[in-house]
Amino acid sequence: MVSSEENEPRARAIFAAVAGAQLVARSRSDISLYDALIDSYRTAGLLPA
């Protein structure tokens, strides 16, 4: 669990990660790349499962 003082920076980091994955996938016209990036973020512990 994340403390309340860490919520906002963590939320911003998650938002940036998801936006980045969308940008990469759209720029390559490959939605499966988005799914792969999100899965890799989860595996690395950057996103909740």
PDB file of N, CA and C in Angstrom:
ATOM      1  N   MET A   1       0.841  -1.178   0.000  1.00  0.00           N
ATOM      2  CA  MET A   1       0.000   0.000   0.000  1.00  0.00           C
ATOM      3  C   MET A   1       0.888   1.243   0.000  1.00  0.00           C
ATOM      4  N   VAL A   2       0.392   2.275  -0.605  1.00  0.00           N
ATOM      5  CA  VAL A   2       1.140   3.521  -0.729  1.00  0.00           C
ATOM      6  C   VAL A   2       0.580   4.521   0.273  1.00  0.00           C
ATOM      7  N   SER A   3       1.466   5.266   0.948  1.00  0.00           N
ATOM      8  CA  SER A   3       1.003   6.260   1.913  1.00  0.00           C
ATOM      9  C   SER A   3       0.311   7.406   1.189  1.00  0.00           C
ATOM     10  N   SER A   4      -0.512   8.133   1.918  1.00  0.00           N
ATOM     11  CA  SER A   4      -1.288   9.210   1.304  1.00  0.00           C
ATOM     12  C   SER A   4      -0.411  10.313   0.728  1.00  0.00           C
ATOM     13  N   GLU A   5       0.763  10.541   1.308  1.00  0.00           N
ATOM     14  CA  GLU A   5       1.642  11.586   0.776  1.00  0.00           C
ATOM     15  C   GLU A   5       2.345  11.158  -0.510  1.00  0.00           C
ATOM     16  N   GLU A   6       2.317   9.855  -0.801  1.00  0.00           N
ATOM     17  CA  GLU A   6       2.912   9.351  -2.039  1.00  0.00           C
ATOM     18  C   GLU A   6       1.867   9.146  -3.140  1.00  0.00           C
ATOM     19  N   ASN A   7       0.597   9.341  -2.838  1.00  0.00           N
ATOM     20  CA  ASN A   7      -0.466   9.078  -3.805  1.00  0.00           C
ATOM     21  C   ASN A   7      -0.353   9.921  -5.064  1.00  0.00           C
ATOM     22  N   GLU A   8      -0.204  11.227  -4.920  1.00  0.00           N
ATOM     23  CA  GLU A   8      -0.195  12.100  -6.097  1.00  0.00           C
ATOM     24  C   GLU A   8       0.997  11.836  -7.011  1.00  0.00           C
ATOM     25  N   PRO A   9       2.227  11.774  -6.493  1.00  0.00           N
ATOM     26  CA  PRO A   9       3.348  11.467  -7.401  1.00  0.00           C
ATOM     27  C   PRO A   9       3.197  10.103  -8.074  1.00  0.00           C
ATOM     28  N   ARG A  10       2.692   9.121  -7.343  1.00  0.00           N
ATOM     29  CA  ARG A  10       2.490   7.793  -7.931  1.00  0.00           C
ATOM     30  C   ARG A  10       1.416   7.849  -9.010  1.00  0.00           C
ATOM     31  N   ALA A  11       0.338   8.557  -8.760  1.00  0.00           N
ATOM     32  CA  ALA A  11      -0.726   8.694  -9.761  1.00  0.00           C
ATOM     33  C   ALA A  11      -0.207   9.379 -11.015  1.00  0.00           C
ATOM     34  N   ARG A  12       0.614  10.398 -10.849  1.00  0.00           N
ATOM     35  CA  ARG A  12       1.196  11.085 -12.012  1.00  0.00           C
ATOM     36  C   ARG A  12       2.119  10.160 -12.795  1.00  0.00           C
ATOM     37  N   ALA A  13       2.874   9.351 -12.097  1.00  0.00           N
ATOM     38  CA  ALA A  13       3.779   8.409 -12.765  1.00  0.00           C
ATOM     39  C   ALA A  13       2.993   7.356 -13.542  1.00  0.00           C
ATOM     40  N   ILE A  14       1.921   6.859 -12.957  1.00  0.00           N
ATOM     41  CA  ILE A  14       1.079   5.883 -13.649  1.00  0.00           C
ATOM     42  C   ILE A  14       0.440   6.520 -14.872  1.00  0.00           C
ATOM     43  N   PHE A  15      -0.068   7.738 -14.723  1.00  0.00           N
ATOM     44  CA  PHE A  15      -0.671   8.454 -15.852  1.00  0.00           C
ATOM     45  C   PHE A  15       0.342   8.622 -16.976  1.00  0.00           C
ATOM     46  N   ALA A  16       1.560   9.017 -16.638  1.00  0.00           N
ATOM     47  CA  ALA A  16       2.605   9.216 -17.648  1.00  0.00           C
ATOM     48  C   ALA A  16       2.968   7.900 -18.335  1.00  0.00           C
ATOM     49  N   ALA A  17       3.023   6.822 -17.578  1.00  0.00           N
ATOM     50  CA  ALA A  17       3.355   5.518 -18.162  1.00  0.00           C
ATOM     51  C   ALA A  17       2.285   5.073 -19.151  1.00  0.00           C
ATOM     52  N   VAL A  18       1.028   5.228 -18.777  1.00  0.00           N
ATOM     53  CA  VAL A  18      -0.068   4.823 -19.656  1.00  0.00           C
ATOM     54  C   VAL A  18      -0.120   5.724 -20.889  1.00  0.00           C
ATOM     55  N   ALA A  19       0.043   7.024 -20.693  1.00  0.00           N
ATOM     56  CA  ALA A  19       0.046   7.948 -21.834  1.00  0.00           C
ATOM     57  C   ALA A  19       1.200   7.639 -22.779  1.00  0.00           C
ATOM     58  N   GLY A  20       2.351   7.316 -22.232  1.00  0.00           N
ATOM     59  CA  GLY A  20       3.500   6.960 -23.059  1.00  0.00           C
ATOM     60  C   GLY A  20       3.249   5.691 -23.852  1.00  0.00           C
ATOM     61  N   ALA A  21       2.643   4.708 -23.221  1.00  0.00           N
ATOM     62  CA  ALA A  21       2.324   3.461 -23.919  1.00  0.00           C
ATOM     63  C   ALA A  21       1.332   3.719 -25.050  1.00  0.00           C
ATOM     64  N   GLN A  22       0.354   4.591 -24.803  1.00  0.00           N
ATOM     65  CA  GLN A  22      -0.606   4.943 -25.853  1.00  0.00           C
ATOM     66  C   GLN A  22       0.085   5.652 -27.008  1.00  0.00           C
ATOM     67  N   LEU A  23       0.964   6.562 -26.698  1.00  0.00           N
ATOM     68  CA  LEU A  23       1.674   7.318 -27.726  1.00  0.00           C
ATOM     69  C   LEU A  23       2.521   6.400 -28.606  1.00  0.00           C
ATOM     70  N   VAL A  24       3.258   5.505 -27.980  1.00  0.00           N
ATOM     71  CA  VAL A  24       4.105   4.581 -28.734  1.00  0.00           C
ATOM     72  C   VAL A  24       3.246   3.676 -29.614  1.00  0.00           C
ATOM     73  N   ALA A  25       2.186   3.113 -29.052  1.00  0.00           N
ATOM     74  CA  ALA A  25       1.332   2.198 -29.812  1.00  0.00           C
ATOM     75  C   ALA A  25       0.647   2.913 -30.974  1.00  0.00           C
ATOM     76  N   ARG A  26       0.153   4.116 -30.735  1.00  0.00           N
ATOM     77  CA  ARG A  26      -0.519   4.858 -31.811  1.00  0.00           C
ATOM     78  C   ARG A  26       0.456   5.280 -32.892  1.00  0.00           C
ATOM     79  N   SER A  27       1.656   5.668 -32.506  1.00  0.00           N
ATOM     80  CA  SER A  27       2.633   6.108 -33.505  1.00  0.00           C
ATOM     81  C   SER A  27       3.067   4.953 -34.406  1.00  0.00           C
ATOM     82  N   ARG A  28       2.946   3.738 -33.907  1.00  0.00           N
ATOM     83  CA  ARG A  28       3.312   2.560 -34.707  1.00  0.00           C
ATOM     84  C   ARG A  28       2.084   1.827 -35.242  1.00  0.00           C
ATOM     85  N   SER A  29       0.903   2.372 -34.969  1.00  0.00           N
ATOM     86  CA  SER A  29      -0.362   1.749 -35.402  1.00  0.00           C
ATOM     87  C   SER A  29      -0.428   0.277 -35.000  1.00  0.00           C
ATOM     88  N   ASP A  30      -0.086   0.017 -33.741  1.00  0.00           N
ATOM     89  CA  ASP A  30      -0.032  -1.365 -33.252  1.00  0.00           C
ATOM     90  C   ASP A  30      -0.585  -1.430 -31.832  1.00  0.00           C
ATOM     91  N   ILE A  31      -1.888  -1.710 -31.717  1.00  0.00           N
ATOM     92  CA  ILE A  31      -2.523  -1.736 -30.402  1.00  0.00           C
ATOM     93  C   ILE A  31      -1.976  -2.869 -29.536  1.00  0.00           C
ATOM     94  N   SER A  32      -1.493  -3.940 -30.160  1.00  0.00           N
ATOM     95  CA  SER A  32      -0.928  -5.033 -29.363  1.00  0.00           C
ATOM     96  C   SER A  32       0.339  -4.582 -28.638  1.00  0.00           C
ATOM     97  N   LEU A  33       1.016  -3.586 -29.182  1.00  0.00           N
ATOM     98  CA  LEU A  33       2.196  -3.031 -28.514  1.00  0.00           C
ATOM     99  C   LEU A  33       1.794  -2.354 -27.204  1.00  0.00           C
ATOM    100  N   TYR A  34       0.644  -1.671 -27.207  1.00  0.00           N
ATOM    101  CA  TYR A  34       0.129  -1.051 -25.976  1.00  0.00           C
ATOM    102  C   TYR A  34      -0.067  -2.118 -24.898  1.00  0.00           C
ATOM    103  N   ASP A  35      -0.733  -3.203 -25.266  1.00  0.00           N
ATOM    104  CA  ASP A  35      -0.973  -4.287 -24.311  1.00  0.00           C
ATOM    105  C   ASP A  35       0.336  -4.860 -23.781  1.00  0.00           C
ATOM    106  N   ALA A  36       1.304  -5.033 -24.665  1.00  0.00           N
ATOM    107  CA  ALA A  36       2.601  -5.577 -24.254  1.00  0.00           C
ATOM    108  C   ALA A  36       3.319  -4.625 -23.299  1.00  0.00           C
ATOM    109  N   LEU A  37       3.259  -3.331 -23.577  1.00  0.00           N
ATOM    110  CA  LEU A  37       3.903  -2.352 -22.694  1.00  0.00           C
ATOM    111  C   LEU A  37       3.244  -2.339 -21.318  1.00  0.00           C
ATOM    112  N   ILE A  38       1.920  -2.338 -21.282  1.00  0.00           N
ATOM    113  CA  ILE A  38       1.203  -2.338 -20.001  1.00  0.00           C
ATOM    114  C   ILE A  38       1.533  -3.614 -19.219  1.00  0.00           C
ATOM    115  N   ASP A  39       1.570  -4.741 -19.907  1.00  0.00           N
ATOM    116  CA  ASP A  39       1.943  -5.995 -19.233  1.00  0.00           C
ATOM    117  C   ASP A  39       3.355  -5.921 -18.665  1.00  0.00           C
ATOM    118  N   SER A  40       4.273  -5.313 -19.420  1.00  0.00           N
ATOM    119  CA  SER A  40       5.652  -5.207 -18.919  1.00  0.00           C
ATOM    120  C   SER A  40       5.729  -4.258 -17.725  1.00  0.00           C
ATOM    121  N   TYR A  41       4.914  -3.202 -17.716  1.00  0.00           N
ATOM    122  CA  TYR A  41       4.870  -2.300 -16.556  1.00  0.00           C
ATOM    123  C   TYR A  41       4.363  -3.053 -15.331  1.00  0.00           C
ATOM    124  N   ARG A  42       3.354  -3.899 -15.518  1.00  0.00           N
ATOM    125  CA  ARG A  42       2.820  -4.689 -14.398  1.00  0.00           C
ATOM    126  C   ARG A  42       3.860  -5.675 -13.884  1.00  0.00           C
ATOM    127  N   THR A  43       4.536  -6.344 -14.801  1.00  0.00           N
ATOM    128  CA  THR A  43       5.562  -7.316 -14.419  1.00  0.00           C
ATOM    129  C   THR A  43       6.679  -6.652 -13.626  1.00  0.00           C
ATOM    130  N   ALA A  44       7.034  -5.436 -14.025  1.00  0.00           N
ATOM    131  CA  ALA A  44       8.102  -4.701 -13.345  1.00  0.00           C
ATOM    132  C   ALA A  44       7.633  -4.084 -12.030  1.00  0.00           C
ATOM    133  N   GLY A  45       6.322  -4.148 -11.752  1.00  0.00           N
ATOM    134  CA  GLY A  45       5.791  -3.594 -10.512  1.00  0.00           C
ATOM    135  C   GLY A  45       5.466  -2.116 -10.585  1.00  0.00           C
ATOM    136  N   LEU A  46       5.489  -1.548 -11.793  1.00  0.00           N
ATOM    137  CA  LEU A  46       5.192  -0.124 -11.940  1.00  0.00           C
ATOM    138  C   LEU A  46       3.696   0.159 -11.911  1.00  0.00           C
ATOM    139  N   LEU A  47       2.898  -0.826 -12.306  1.00  0.00           N
ATOM    140  CA  LEU A  47       1.440  -0.702 -12.280  1.00  0.00           C
ATOM    141  C   LEU A  47       0.867  -1.820 -11.426  1.00  0.00           C
ATOM    142  N   PRO A  48      -0.243  -1.547 -10.756  1.00  0.00           N
ATOM    143  CA  PRO A  48      -0.874  -2.611  -9.976  1.00  0.00           C
ATOM    144  C   PRO A  48      -1.443  -3.687 -10.898  1.00  0.00           C
ATOM    145  N   ALA A  49      -1.496  -4.888 -10.407  1.00  0.00           N
ATOM    146  CA  ALA A  49      -2.012  -6.013 -11.217  1.00  0.00           C
ATOM    147  C   ALA A  49      -3.517  -5.990 -11.294  1.00  0.00           C
TER     148      ALA A  49
END
